[in-house]
Every structure is written in structure tokens, then in C-alpha cells.
C-alpha atoms as a PDB file:
ATOM      1  CA  MET A   1      -3.753  25.192  -3.943  1.00  0.00           C
ATOM      2  CA  ALA A   2      -1.735  22.833  -6.146  1.00  0.00           C
ATOM      3  CA  THR A   3      -3.591  21.368  -9.109  1.00  0.00           C
ATOM      4  CA  THR A   4      -2.830  18.560 -11.530  1.00  0.00           C
ATOM      5  CA  ASP A   5      -3.774  17.568 -15.043  1.00  0.00           C
ATOM      6  CA  LYS A   6      -4.007  13.947 -13.954  1.00  0.00           C
ATOM      7  CA  ARG A   7      -7.410  12.327 -14.147  1.00  0.00           C
ATOM      8  CA  TYR A   8      -7.140  10.945 -10.640  1.00  0.00           C
ATOM      9  CA  ASN A   9      -6.666  12.361  -7.150  1.00  0.00           C
ATOM     10  CA  ASP A  10      -2.955  11.697  -6.668  1.00  0.00           C
ATOM     11  CA  LEU A  11      -1.050  11.593  -3.384  1.00  0.00           C
ATOM     12  CA  ASN A  12       1.620  14.155  -4.277  1.00  0.00           C
ATOM     13  CA  THR A  13      -0.955  16.855  -4.953  1.00  0.00           C
ATOM     14  CA  TYR A  14      -2.821  15.996  -1.735  1.00  0.00           C
ATOM     15  CA  LEU A  15       0.364  16.276   0.331  1.00  0.00           C
ATOM     16  CA  ARG A  16       1.443  19.517  -1.343  1.00  0.00           C
ATOM     17  CA  ASN A  17      -1.962  21.007  -0.545  1.00  0.00           C
ATOM     18  CA  GLN A  18      -1.659  19.810   3.052  1.00  0.00           C
ATOM     19  CA  PHE A  19       1.862  21.058   3.714  1.00  0.00           C
ATOM     20  CA  GLY A  20       2.598  23.638   1.031  1.00  0.00           C
ATOM     21  CA  CYS A  21       5.670  21.864  -0.342  1.00  0.00           C
ATOM     22  CA  ARG A  22       6.909  18.602  -1.807  1.00  0.00           C
ATOM     23  CA  VAL A  23       6.472  15.765   0.704  1.00  0.00           C
ATOM     24  CA  GLN A  24       8.060  12.344   0.188  1.00  0.00           C
ATOM     25  CA  LYS A  25       7.589   9.020   1.918  1.00  0.00           C
ATOM     26  CA  ILE A  26      10.649   7.355   3.412  1.00  0.00           C
ATOM     27  CA  THR A  27      10.416   3.582   3.716  1.00  0.00           C
ATOM     28  CA  VAL A  28      11.185   2.296   7.212  1.00  0.00           C
ATOM     29  CA  ASP A  29      11.976  -1.279   8.248  1.00  0.00           C
ATOM     30  CA  ALA A  30      11.013  -1.677  11.918  1.00  0.00           C
ATOM     31  CA  GLY A  31      12.037  -5.326  12.210  1.00  0.00           C
ATOM     32  CA  LEU A  32       8.503  -6.570  12.823  1.00  0.00           C
ATOM     33  CA  THR A  33       7.000  -9.770  11.474  1.00  0.00           C
ATOM     34  CA  CYS A  34       3.564 -11.064  10.434  1.00  0.00           C
ATOM     35  CA  PRO A  35       1.044 -13.549  11.878  1.00  0.00           C
ATOM     36  CA  ASN A  36       0.949 -15.167   8.453  1.00  0.00           C
ATOM     37  CA  ARG A  37       4.679 -15.876   8.796  1.00  0.00           C
ATOM     38  CA  ASP A  38       5.393 -16.529  12.462  1.00  0.00           C
ATOM     39  CA  GLY A  39       2.864 -19.355  12.887  1.00  0.00           C
ATOM     40  CA  ALA A  40       0.035 -17.442  14.532  1.00  0.00           C
ATOM     41  CA  ILE A  41      -1.968 -17.985  11.333  1.00  0.00           C
ATOM     42  CA  SER A  42       0.493 -19.685   9.022  1.00  0.00           C
ATOM     43  CA  THR A  43       4.221 -20.037   8.388  1.00  0.00           C
ATOM     44  CA  GLU A  44       3.874 -19.855   4.609  1.00  0.00           C
ATOM     45  CA  GLY A  45       2.735 -16.268   4.130  1.00  0.00           C
ATOM     46  CA  CYS A  46       0.769 -14.985   1.163  1.00  0.00           C
ATOM     47  CA  ILE A  47       1.682 -16.654  -2.127  1.00  0.00           C
ATOM     48  CA  PHE A  48       3.270 -13.459  -3.476  1.00  0.00           C
ATOM     49  CA  CYS A  49       5.385 -12.608  -0.396  1.00  0.00           C
ATOM     50  CA  ASN A  50       8.916 -13.802   0.294  1.00  0.00           C
ATOM     51  CA  ASP A  51      10.772 -13.823   3.604  1.00  0.00           C
ATOM     52  CA  ARG A  52      11.697 -10.132   3.233  1.00  0.00           C
ATOM     53  CA  GLY A  53       8.039  -9.068   3.329  1.00  0.00           C
ATOM     54  CA  SER A  54       8.603  -6.113   0.972  1.00  0.00           C
ATOM     55  CA  GLY A  55      11.257  -4.861   3.360  1.00  0.00           C
ATOM     56  CA  THR A  56      14.539  -3.124   2.723  1.00  0.00           C
ATOM     57  CA  GLY A  57      16.574  -5.252   5.115  1.00  0.00           C
ATOM     58  CA  ALA A  58      17.653  -2.083   6.931  1.00  0.00           C
ATOM     59  CA  HIS A  59      16.740  -3.443  10.373  1.00  0.00           C
ATOM     60  CA  ASN A  60      18.870  -6.529   9.848  1.00  0.00           C
ATOM     61  CA  ARG A  61      21.756  -4.249   8.883  1.00  0.00           C
ATOM     62  CA  GLY A  62      21.473  -2.620  12.294  1.00  0.00           C
ATOM     63  CA  LEU A  63      20.011   0.692  11.155  1.00  0.00           C
ATOM     64  CA  SER A  64      17.780   2.449  13.672  1.00  0.00           C
ATOM     65  CA  ILE A  65      14.526   4.130  12.670  1.00  0.00           C
ATOM     66  CA  THR A  66      16.235   7.503  13.015  1.00  0.00           C
ATOM     67  CA  ARG A  67      19.193   6.473  10.872  1.00  0.00           C
ATOM     68  CA  GLN A  68      16.912   5.088   8.146  1.00  0.00           C
ATOM     69  CA  LEU A  69      14.954   8.328   8.089  1.00  0.00           C
ATOM     70  CA  GLU A  70      18.050  10.532   8.010  1.00  0.00           C
ATOM     71  CA  GLN A  71      19.449   8.564   5.082  1.00  0.00           C
ATOM     72  CA  GLY A  72      16.104   8.769   3.296  1.00  0.00           C
ATOM     73  CA  LYS A  73      15.846  12.506   3.874  1.00  0.00           C
ATOM     74  CA  ALA A  74      19.290  13.096   2.379  1.00  0.00           C
ATOM     75  CA  ALA A  75      18.503  11.075  -0.739  1.00  0.00           C
ATOM     76  CA  LEU A  76      14.966  12.339  -1.349  1.00  0.00           C
ATOM     77  CA  SER A  77      15.689  15.989  -0.680  1.00  0.00           C
ATOM     78  CA  LYS A  78      18.416  15.797  -3.303  1.00  0.00           C
ATOM     79  CA  ARG A  79      16.346  13.848  -5.845  1.00  0.00           C
ATOM     80  CA  TYR A  80      12.946  15.537  -5.448  1.00  0.00           C
ATOM     81  CA  LYS A  81      13.791  18.754  -3.579  1.00  0.00           C
ATOM     82  CA  ALA A  82      11.455  17.479  -0.855  1.00  0.00           C
ATOM     83  CA  LYS A  83      11.296  19.558   2.312  1.00  0.00           C
ATOM     84  CA  LYS A  84       9.030  17.417   4.462  1.00  0.00           C
ATOM     85  CA  PHE A  85       8.619  13.669   4.820  1.00  0.00           C
ATOM     86  CA  LEU A  86       6.377  10.827   5.942  1.00  0.00           C
ATOM     87  CA  ALA A  87       7.836   7.800   7.700  1.00  0.00           C
ATOM     88  CA  TYR A  88       6.386   4.769   5.927  1.00  0.00           C
ATOM     89  CA  PHE A  89       6.481   1.601   8.029  1.00  0.00           C
ATOM     90  CA  GLN A  90       6.286  -0.851   5.134  1.00  0.00           C
ATOM     91  CA  SER A  91       7.759  -4.310   5.701  1.00  0.00           C
ATOM     92  CA  PHE A  92       5.478  -7.035   7.085  1.00  0.00           C
ATOM     93  CA  SER A  93       2.735  -5.973   9.584  1.00  0.00           C
ATOM     94  CA  ASN A  94       3.536  -2.776  11.438  1.00  0.00           C
ATOM     95  CA  THR A  95       0.909  -2.976  14.142  1.00  0.00           C
ATOM     96  CA  TYR A  96       1.914  -6.555  15.005  1.00  0.00           C
ATOM     97  CA  ALA A  97       3.649  -5.854  18.328  1.00  0.00           C
ATOM     98  CA  PRO A  98       2.746  -4.756  21.860  1.00  0.00           C
ATOM     99  CA  VAL A  99       1.424  -1.218  22.129  1.00  0.00           C
ATOM    100  CA  GLU A 100       4.448   0.076  24.031  1.00  0.00           C
ATOM    101  CA  THR A 101       6.796  -1.297  21.370  1.00  0.00           C
ATOM    102  CA  LEU A 102       4.735   0.444  18.708  1.00  0.00           C
ATOM    103  CA  ARG A 103       4.704   3.678  20.695  1.00  0.00           C
ATOM    104  CA  ARG A 104       8.501   3.654  20.886  1.00  0.00           C
ATOM    105  CA  LEU A 105       8.857   3.021  17.139  1.00  0.00           C
ATOM    106  CA  TYR A 106       6.298   5.596  16.030  1.00  0.00           C
ATOM    107  CA  GLU A 107       7.448   8.318  18.438  1.00  0.00           C
ATOM    108  CA  GLU A 108      11.063   7.842  17.375  1.00  0.00           C
ATOM    109  CA  ALA A 109       9.960   8.389  13.776  1.00  0.00           C
ATOM    110  CA  ILE A 110       7.898  11.537  14.360  1.00  0.00           C
ATOM    111  CA  GLY A 111      10.669  12.928  16.533  1.00  0.00           C
ATOM    112  CA  VAL A 112      13.017  13.175  13.552  1.00  0.00           C
ATOM    113  CA  ASP A 113      13.288  16.677  12.124  1.00  0.00           C
ATOM    114  CA  GLY A 114      11.222  17.149   8.973  1.00  0.00           C
ATOM    115  CA  ILE A 115       8.926  14.167   9.576  1.00  0.00           C
ATOM    116  CA  VAL A 116       5.349  15.463   9.404  1.00  0.00           C
ATOM    117  CA  GLY A 117       3.524  12.154   9.635  1.00  0.00           C
ATOM    118  CA  ILE A 118       3.608   8.386   9.607  1.00  0.00           C
ATOM    119  CA  SER A 119       2.077   5.822   7.315  1.00  0.00           C
ATOM    120  CA  ILE A 120       1.674   2.325   8.726  1.00  0.00           C
ATOM    121  CA  GLY A 121       1.307  -0.726   6.531  1.00  0.00           C
ATOM    122  CA  THR A 122      -0.445  -3.605   8.270  1.00  0.00           C
ATOM    123  CA  ARG A 123      -3.148  -6.262   8.141  1.00  0.00           C
ATOM    124  CA  PRO A 124      -6.770  -5.759   9.210  1.00  0.00           C
ATOM    125  CA  ASP A 125      -6.438  -8.600  11.727  1.00  0.00           C
ATOM    126  CA  CYS A 126      -3.512  -6.879  13.487  1.00  0.00           C
ATOM    127  CA  ILE A 127      -5.398  -3.992  15.059  1.00  0.00           C
ATOM    128  CA  ASP A 128      -7.270  -3.532  18.324  1.00  0.00           C
ATOM    129  CA  GLN A 129      -8.702  -0.753  20.460  1.00  0.00           C
ATOM    130  CA  ASP A 130      -5.471  -0.075  22.361  1.00  0.00           C
ATOM    131  CA  LYS A 131      -3.433   0.251  19.175  1.00  0.00           C
ATOM    132  CA  LEU A 132      -6.072   2.479  17.630  1.00  0.00           C
ATOM    133  CA  ALA A 133      -6.059   4.653  20.753  1.00  0.00           C
ATOM    134  CA  LEU A 134      -2.309   5.110  20.298  1.00  0.00           C
ATOM    135  CA  LEU A 135      -2.739   6.064  16.650  1.00  0.00           C
ATOM    136  CA  GLN A 136      -5.557   8.448  17.561  1.00  0.00           C
ATOM    137  CA  GLU A 137      -3.266  10.111  20.088  1.00  0.00           C
ATOM    138  CA  LEU A 138      -0.514  10.486  17.477  1.00  0.00           C
ATOM    139  CA  ALA A 139      -3.010  11.811  14.937  1.00  0.00           C
ATOM    140  CA  GLY A 140      -3.447  14.786  17.250  1.00  0.00           C
ATOM    141  CA  LYS A 141       0.224  15.616  16.665  1.00  0.00           C
ATOM    142  CA  CYS A 142       0.827  14.744  13.004  1.00  0.00           C
ATOM    143  CA  LEU A 143      -0.653  13.149   9.906  1.00  0.00           C
ATOM    144  CA  VAL A 144      -1.366   9.449  10.469  1.00  0.00           C
ATOM    145  CA  TRP A 145      -2.264   6.998   7.718  1.00  0.00           C
ATOM    146  CA  ILE A 146      -2.990   3.338   8.360  1.00  0.00           C
ATOM    147  CA  GLU A 147      -2.759   1.120   5.304  1.00  0.00           C
ATOM    148  CA  TYR A 148      -4.772  -2.088   5.561  1.00  0.00           C
ATOM    149  CA  GLY A 149      -4.038  -4.892   3.128  1.00  0.00           C
ATOM    150  CA  LEU A 150      -7.293  -6.041   1.544  1.00  0.00           C
ATOM    151  CA  GLN A 151      -6.025  -7.247  -1.876  1.00  0.00           C
ATOM    152  CA  SER A 152      -9.475  -8.459  -2.976  1.00  0.00           C
ATOM    153  CA  ALA A 153     -13.071  -8.243  -1.800  1.00  0.00           C
ATOM    154  CA  HIS A 154     -13.564 -11.909  -2.731  1.00  0.00           C
ATOM    155  CA  ASP A 155     -13.073 -14.475   0.009  1.00  0.00           C
ATOM    156  CA  SER A 156     -12.384 -17.258  -2.488  1.00  0.00           C
ATOM    157  CA  THR A 157      -9.435 -15.249  -3.823  1.00  0.00           C
ATOM    158  CA  LEU A 158      -8.195 -14.421  -0.314  1.00  0.00           C
ATOM    159  CA  SER A 159      -8.237 -18.119   0.516  1.00  0.00           C
ATOM    160  CA  LEU A 160      -6.416 -19.013  -2.695  1.00  0.00           C
ATOM    161  CA  ILE A 161      -3.609 -16.545  -2.002  1.00  0.00           C
ATOM    162  CA  ASN A 162      -3.365 -17.735   1.628  1.00  0.00           C
ATOM    163  CA  ARG A 163      -4.211 -14.323   2.981  1.00  0.00           C
ATOM    164  CA  GLY A 164      -5.415 -15.579   6.364  1.00  0.00           C
ATOM    165  CA  HIS A 165      -8.404 -13.247   6.729  1.00  0.00           C
ATOM    166  CA  ASP A 166     -11.622 -12.499   4.869  1.00  0.00           C
ATOM    167  CA  ALA A 167     -13.115  -9.312   3.448  1.00  0.00           C
ATOM    168  CA  ALA A 168     -15.380  -8.904   6.487  1.00  0.00           C
ATOM    169  CA  CYS A 169     -12.262  -8.645   8.673  1.00  0.00           C
ATOM    170  CA  PHE A 170     -11.125  -5.690   6.564  1.00  0.00           C
ATOM    171  CA  ALA A 171     -14.528  -4.008   6.876  1.00  0.00           C
ATOM    172  CA  ARG A 172     -14.485  -4.446  10.671  1.00  0.00           C
ATOM    173  CA  ALA A 173     -11.005  -2.918  10.922  1.00  0.00           C
ATOM    174  CA  VAL A 174     -12.130   0.085   8.877  1.00  0.00           C
ATOM    175  CA  GLU A 175     -15.194   0.561  11.082  1.00  0.00           C
ATOM    176  CA  LYS A 176     -13.069   0.457  14.265  1.00  0.00           C
ATOM    177  CA  THR A 177     -10.633   2.994  12.817  1.00  0.00           C
ATOM    178  CA  GLN A 178     -13.128   5.546  11.589  1.00  0.00           C
ATOM    179  CA  SER A 179     -13.890   8.756  13.519  1.00  0.00           C
ATOM    180  CA  ARG A 180     -10.462   8.796  15.176  1.00  0.00           C
ATOM    181  CA  GLY A 181      -8.695  11.299  12.940  1.00  0.00           C
ATOM    182  CA  ILE A 182      -6.727   8.498  11.292  1.00  0.00           C
ATOM    183  CA  GLN A 183      -6.579   8.356   7.499  1.00  0.00           C
ATOM    184  CA  ILE A 184      -7.384   4.892   6.110  1.00  0.00           C
ATOM    185  CA  CYS A 185      -5.871   3.420   2.942  1.00  0.00           C
ATOM    186  CA  ALA A 186      -6.740   0.091   1.292  1.00  0.00           C
ATOM    187  CA  HIS A 187      -4.196  -2.021  -0.572  1.00  0.00           C
ATOM    188  CA  VAL A 188      -5.629  -3.824  -3.611  1.00  0.00           C
ATOM    189  CA  ILE A 189      -3.833  -6.189  -5.983  1.00  0.00           C
ATOM    190  CA  LEU A 190      -4.838  -6.497  -9.636  1.00  0.00           C
ATOM    191  CA  GLY A 191      -4.118  -9.689 -11.551  1.00  0.00           C
ATOM    192  CA  LEU A 192      -4.805 -12.140  -8.733  1.00  0.00           C
ATOM    193  CA  PRO A 193      -5.247 -15.808  -9.774  1.00  0.00           C
ATOM    194  CA  GLY A 194      -8.716 -16.558 -11.099  1.00  0.00           C
ATOM    195  CA  GLU A 195      -9.927 -12.962 -10.948  1.00  0.00           C
ATOM    196  CA  THR A 196     -11.741 -11.371 -13.863  1.00  0.00           C
ATOM    197  CA  THR A 197     -12.626  -7.792 -14.693  1.00  0.00           C
ATOM    198  CA  ALA A 198     -15.881  -8.285 -12.787  1.00  0.00           C
ATOM    199  CA  HIS A 199     -13.943  -9.238  -9.646  1.00  0.00           C
ATOM    200  CA  VAL A 200     -11.933  -6.022  -9.896  1.00  0.00           C
ATOM    201  CA  HIS A 201     -15.092  -3.955 -10.342  1.00  0.00           C
ATOM    202  CA  ASP A 202     -16.571  -5.613  -7.243  1.00  0.00           C
ATOM    203  CA  THR A 203     -13.499  -4.781  -5.150  1.00  0.00           C
ATOM    204  CA  ALA A 204     -13.643  -1.140  -6.267  1.00  0.00           C
ATOM    205  CA  LYS A 205     -17.302  -0.948  -5.284  1.00  0.00           C
ATOM    206  CA  PHE A 206     -16.609  -2.705  -1.968  1.00  0.00           C
ATOM    207  CA  ILE A 207     -13.991  -0.207  -0.775  1.00  0.00           C
ATOM    208  CA  SER A 208     -16.088   2.678  -2.086  1.00  0.00           C
ATOM    209  CA  ARG A 209     -18.935   1.743   0.250  1.00  0.00           C
ATOM    210  CA  LEU A 210     -16.706   1.819   3.336  1.00  0.00           C
ATOM    211  CA  GLY A 211     -15.842   5.504   3.320  1.00  0.00           C
ATOM    212  CA  ILE A 212     -12.073   5.083   3.374  1.00  0.00           C
ATOM    213  CA  HIS A 213      -9.718   7.898   2.440  1.00  0.00           C
ATOM    214  CA  GLY A 214      -7.215   6.320   0.062  1.00  0.00           C
ATOM    215  CA  VAL A 215      -6.214   3.332  -2.039  1.00  0.00           C
ATOM    216  CA  LYS A 216      -3.025   1.748  -3.321  1.00  0.00           C
ATOM    217  CA  LEU A 217      -3.194  -0.388  -6.439  1.00  0.00           C
ATOM    218  CA  HIS A 218      -0.558  -3.036  -6.981  1.00  0.00           C
ATOM    219  CA  LEU A 219       0.294  -5.261  -9.903  1.00  0.00           C
ATOM    220  CA  LEU A 220       0.646  -8.915  -8.941  1.00  0.00           C
ATOM    221  CA  TYR A 221       4.246  -9.477  -9.924  1.00  0.00           C
ATOM    222  CA  VAL A 222       6.278 -12.603  -9.242  1.00  0.00           C
ATOM    223  CA  ILE A 223       9.386 -12.587  -7.085  1.00  0.00           C
ATOM    224  CA  LYS A 224      11.877 -15.305  -6.309  1.00  0.00           C
ATOM    225  CA  GLY A 225      11.268 -17.663  -3.428  1.00  0.00           C
ATOM    226  CA  THR A 226       7.474 -17.461  -3.404  1.00  0.00           C
ATOM    227  CA  ARG A 227       4.677 -19.921  -4.010  1.00  0.00           C
ATOM    228  CA  LEU A 228       3.605 -17.707  -6.880  1.00  0.00           C
ATOM    229  CA  GLU A 229       6.945 -18.367  -8.577  1.00  0.00           C
ATOM    230  CA  THR A 230       6.206 -22.092  -8.362  1.00  0.00           C
ATOM    231  CA  MET A 231       2.777 -21.500  -9.898  1.00  0.00           C
ATOM    232  CA  VAL A 232       4.402 -19.685 -12.817  1.00  0.00           C
ATOM    233  CA  GLN A 233       6.916 -22.494 -13.282  1.00  0.00           C
ATOM    234  CA  GLN A 234       4.058 -25.006 -13.285  1.00  0.00           C
ATOM    235  CA  GLU A 235       2.151 -22.790 -15.750  1.00  0.00           C
ATOM    236  CA  SER A 236      -0.828 -22.522 -13.392  1.00  0.00           C
ATOM    237  CA  TYR A 237      -0.533 -18.735 -13.294  1.00  0.00           C
ATOM    238  CA  ARG A 238       0.202 -16.199 -16.022  1.00  0.00           C
ATOM    239  CA  CYS A 239       0.984 -12.553 -15.331  1.00  0.00           C
ATOM    240  CA  LEU A 240      -1.055  -9.714 -16.755  1.00  0.00           C
ATOM    241  CA  THR A 241       0.181  -7.936 -19.844  1.00  0.00           C
ATOM    242  CA  GLN A 242       0.852  -4.239 -19.474  1.00  0.00           C
ATOM    243  CA  ALA A 243      -2.174  -3.414 -21.637  1.00  0.00           C
ATOM    244  CA  ALA A 244      -4.448  -5.602 -19.508  1.00  0.00           C
ATOM    245  CA  TYR A 245      -3.158  -4.019 -16.308  1.00  0.00           C
ATOM    246  CA  VAL A 246      -3.657  -0.493 -17.636  1.00  0.00           C
ATOM    247  CA  ASN A 247      -7.259  -1.304 -18.533  1.00  0.00           C
ATOM    248  CA  LEU A 248      -7.970  -2.753 -15.079  1.00  0.00           C
ATOM    249  CA  VAL A 249      -6.485   0.278 -13.343  1.00  0.00           C
ATOM    250  CA  CYS A 250      -8.667   2.610 -15.401  1.00  0.00           C
ATOM    251  CA  ASP A 251     -11.740   0.484 -14.707  1.00  0.00           C
ATOM    252  CA  PHE A 252     -10.946   0.632 -10.985  1.00  0.00           C
ATOM    253  CA  LEU A 253     -10.401   4.389 -10.934  1.00  0.00           C
ATOM    254  CA  GLU A 254     -13.680   5.008 -12.725  1.00  0.00           C
ATOM    255  CA  ARG A 255     -15.528   3.151  -9.961  1.00  0.00           C
ATOM    256  CA  ILE A 256     -14.131   4.780  -6.822  1.00  0.00           C
ATOM    257  CA  PRO A 257     -15.152   8.181  -5.401  1.00  0.00           C
ATOM    258  CA  ASP A 258     -13.408  11.154  -6.962  1.00  0.00           C
ATOM    259  CA  ASP A 259     -12.182  12.380  -3.574  1.00  0.00           C
ATOM    260  CA  MET A 260     -10.430   9.131  -2.614  1.00  0.00           C
ATOM    261  CA  ILE A 261      -6.663   9.696  -2.577  1.00  0.00           C
ATOM    262  CA  VAL A 262      -4.813   7.421  -4.980  1.00  0.00           C
ATOM    263  CA  GLN A 263      -1.544   6.680  -3.241  1.00  0.00           C
ATOM    264  CA  ARG A 264      -0.201   4.281  -5.866  1.00  0.00           C
ATOM    265  CA  LEU A 265      -1.178   2.977  -9.306  1.00  0.00           C
ATOM    266  CA  THR A 266       1.411   0.252  -9.774  1.00  0.00           C
ATOM    267  CA  SER A 267       4.163  -1.582  -7.943  1.00  0.00           C
ATOM    268  CA  ASP A 268       7.912  -1.130  -7.439  1.00  0.00           C
ATOM    269  CA  PRO A 269       9.515  -4.598  -7.558  1.00  0.00           C
ATOM    270  CA  HIS A 270      13.142  -5.042  -6.594  1.00  0.00           C
ATOM    271  CA  PRO A 271      14.856  -5.817  -9.937  1.00  0.00           C
ATOM    272  CA  HIS A 272      17.115  -8.509  -8.467  1.00  0.00           C
ATOM    273  CA  GLU A 273      14.108 -10.368  -7.041  1.00  0.00           C
ATOM    274  CA  LEU A 274      11.737 -10.049  -9.991  1.00  0.00           C
ATOM    275  CA  VAL A 275      10.765 -13.118 -12.013  1.00  0.00           C
ATOM    276  CA  ALA A 276       7.943 -11.600 -14.077  1.00  0.00           C
ATOM    277  CA  PRO A 277       6.566  -9.525 -15.714  1.00  0.00           C
ATOM    278  CA  HIS A 278       9.608  -7.550 -16.789  1.00  0.00           C
ATOM    279  CA  TRP A 279       7.500  -4.646 -18.045  1.00  0.00           C
ATOM    280  CA  SER A 280       6.707  -3.868 -14.404  1.00  0.00           C
ATOM    281  CA  LEU A 281      10.164  -2.321 -14.013  1.00  0.00           C
ATOM    282  CA  ASN A 282       9.164   0.512 -16.347  1.00  0.00           C
ATOM    283  CA  LYS A 283       6.887   2.313 -13.916  1.00  0.00           C
ATOM    284  CA  MET A 284       6.819   5.649 -15.710  1.00  0.00           C
ATOM    285  CA  GLU A 285       5.685   4.043 -18.967  1.00  0.00           C
ATOM    286  CA  THR A 286       2.856   2.265 -17.154  1.00  0.00           C
ATOM    287  CA  LEU A 287       1.727   5.496 -15.472  1.00  0.00           C
ATOM    288  CA  SER A 288       1.857   7.316 -18.800  1.00  0.00           C
ATOM    289  CA  ARG A 289      -0.277   4.627 -20.427  1.00  0.00           C
ATOM    290  CA  ILE A 290      -2.848   4.833 -17.621  1.00  0.00           C
ATOM    291  CA  GLN A 291      -3.193   8.577 -18.138  1.00  0.00           C
ATOM    292  CA  ALA A 292      -3.404   8.117 -21.916  1.00  0.00           C
ATOM    293  CA  GLU A 293      -6.096   5.452 -21.585  1.00  0.00           C
ATOM    294  CA  LEU A 294      -8.218   7.654 -19.321  1.00  0.00           C
ATOM    295  CA  GLU A 295      -7.873  10.431 -21.881  1.00  0.00           C
ATOM    296  CA  ARG A 296      -8.808   8.052 -24.698  1.00  0.00           C
ATOM    297  CA  ARG A 297     -11.911   6.985 -22.777  1.00  0.00           C
ATOM    298  CA  ASP A 298     -12.583  10.578 -21.732  1.00  0.00           C
ATOM    299  CA  THR A 299     -13.185   9.366 -18.180  1.00  0.00           C
ATOM    300  CA  ARG A 300     -11.520   9.985 -14.821  1.00  0.00           C
ATOM    301  CA  GLN A 301     -11.600   8.807 -11.240  1.00  0.00           C
ATOM    302  CA  GLY A 302     -15.211   8.644 -10.078  1.00  0.00           C
ATOM    303  CA  SER A 303     -16.806   8.675 -13.546  1.00  0.00           C
ATOM    304  CA  PHE A 304     -18.891   5.574 -12.771  1.00  0.00           C
ATOM    305  CA  SER A 305     -18.945   5.649  -8.964  1.00  0.00           C
END
């Protein structure tokens, strides 16, 4: 079994233990949208999201799911010596379509040679029993992760960022998904407007109570063409410093179960879109500082859970 000297339960080690080799995620753009963009809930989206929705633009360039995965395999096998891969449906809300459309997209992905699973980024209000039945069926064939965007356990924050759902919606989605063989991951953003260290601690405790399998932590960074950019220009929002972010990440890790899989500890902004903070482009330095801070504290994931 692969081991690590990291003080948290990282995704790479989990995947290596599952499959016996290096496994990499390949980002897929399925051309889907979001109820917070298409008018079902709102047309404005969350304050941090632009009209690309964290996508690569590959769908608009006419690239099929298969072509995106083949290109990703070529690049990642060369860079990381990866032998197996997960198809990561990332942009917008990837359960926001009819079940048969989703079946076609997901089955195309898992049909590509070397793809051992799928990871589906979506919203907790974009799931139902039929879609979960499809994912349960696929989970009998390969690894299936569903990644629900929570961002914060505080409804006042969710309202402020125009999220379009509350924390109870997230909890209901988790409950519906459990006991189906589907791995559940929560997305959480640190540095949200008005949130303090206590808010972050509360969110860590909230997801810990739900029995989910993994978490992704994101820095709230500012990209062009968003309401958050306007807030920065109006000086109504200020980004976290790197030191402040590192401390919040360590606080969060200390308060979640030690067996929860940490899929991400910071974000990967597109450099040409980024407004602030510029330190967020140096991901490796941030990860190194998180490890160093845990060592300085002599704590690790789960120390205070």
C-alpha cells in the first residue's frame, strides 16, 4: 500500500492504493449549463463564476468527450507517467440534463481505454432519484465520484454569493446519494465575503457530520467578468493573504475526519482570467506552506474532529 508523509489523506495516495498505479483526472467539458445561469434560478450565477463556469471551452471548440480524454491521456501520461485516468466533468453543473443525455455522456467517457472512473461536478439541487439510479448503475462498473458544491454551511453566505440553494439542500442531496456505492465529495470555498475563522470551523464540522467521503477546498480568487471583480473594484471585498489562507486550510483539516479524502487544498485559476490574488498562481508554494504549518502545529487531518 502506498503511504505518504503528508499530514492529510490526499487523493493521489488514495487512487494509487485503489488501482496500484498513478491515476490522473482529465478535465472534461460536456457543454452543459447551470440553473443559476440559464434562468431556472437566476441568470447572474454565483458572484465568483464567469460565463465559462470553470470550463476549458473544449465543447465550444467542437471536441467530443472521447477526443478531450484522448488528448488529456497523452499529456498526463507524459507529464506524470499516469497509466489510468478519471474523467472529470467539471464545467457548470454536470447532472443538469435529462437522464438519457447524461447516460450518453458518462458511458462515452468510461468507454475510453484507460478510464477507470468518472468524477461529476454539480450542484445539490441538480440531482434526483433517476439520475442517482444511473450513477448507482455506473458505480457497479467503475469508480464514481459526485462532487456537490456546498461552498459554505452558512445560509447568509450562500445568499450573499447568489448560490441559489441553502445548506439543507446540500444535506438532502448527500442523504439521497448515500448507500448507492457512489463516492461523495463536498466543495468548500475559503475566504468568502463576511466569513470569519468561526464560519470555516462550522463548515468543517457540518460536512463532518454528514458522512461524506471527500472534500475539495478552494481559495476564493477573483476572475474577470464576475460580480466579485466589481466588489474588489469598489473595495467591498479584499482577498485573503497567502498566510491567512494557509491557516484556514490547516484549521479546516484539523476538524474533519482523518479518513476523509482531501481531493484539493487550493485552486487553479486560469492566469489570463485572474484579477487577484496573484499568489494563488504559485500552487506548489501554497501546498508546501500548508504542510509546514501542520508540522509547526504538530497537528494533522482529524486532530480536533
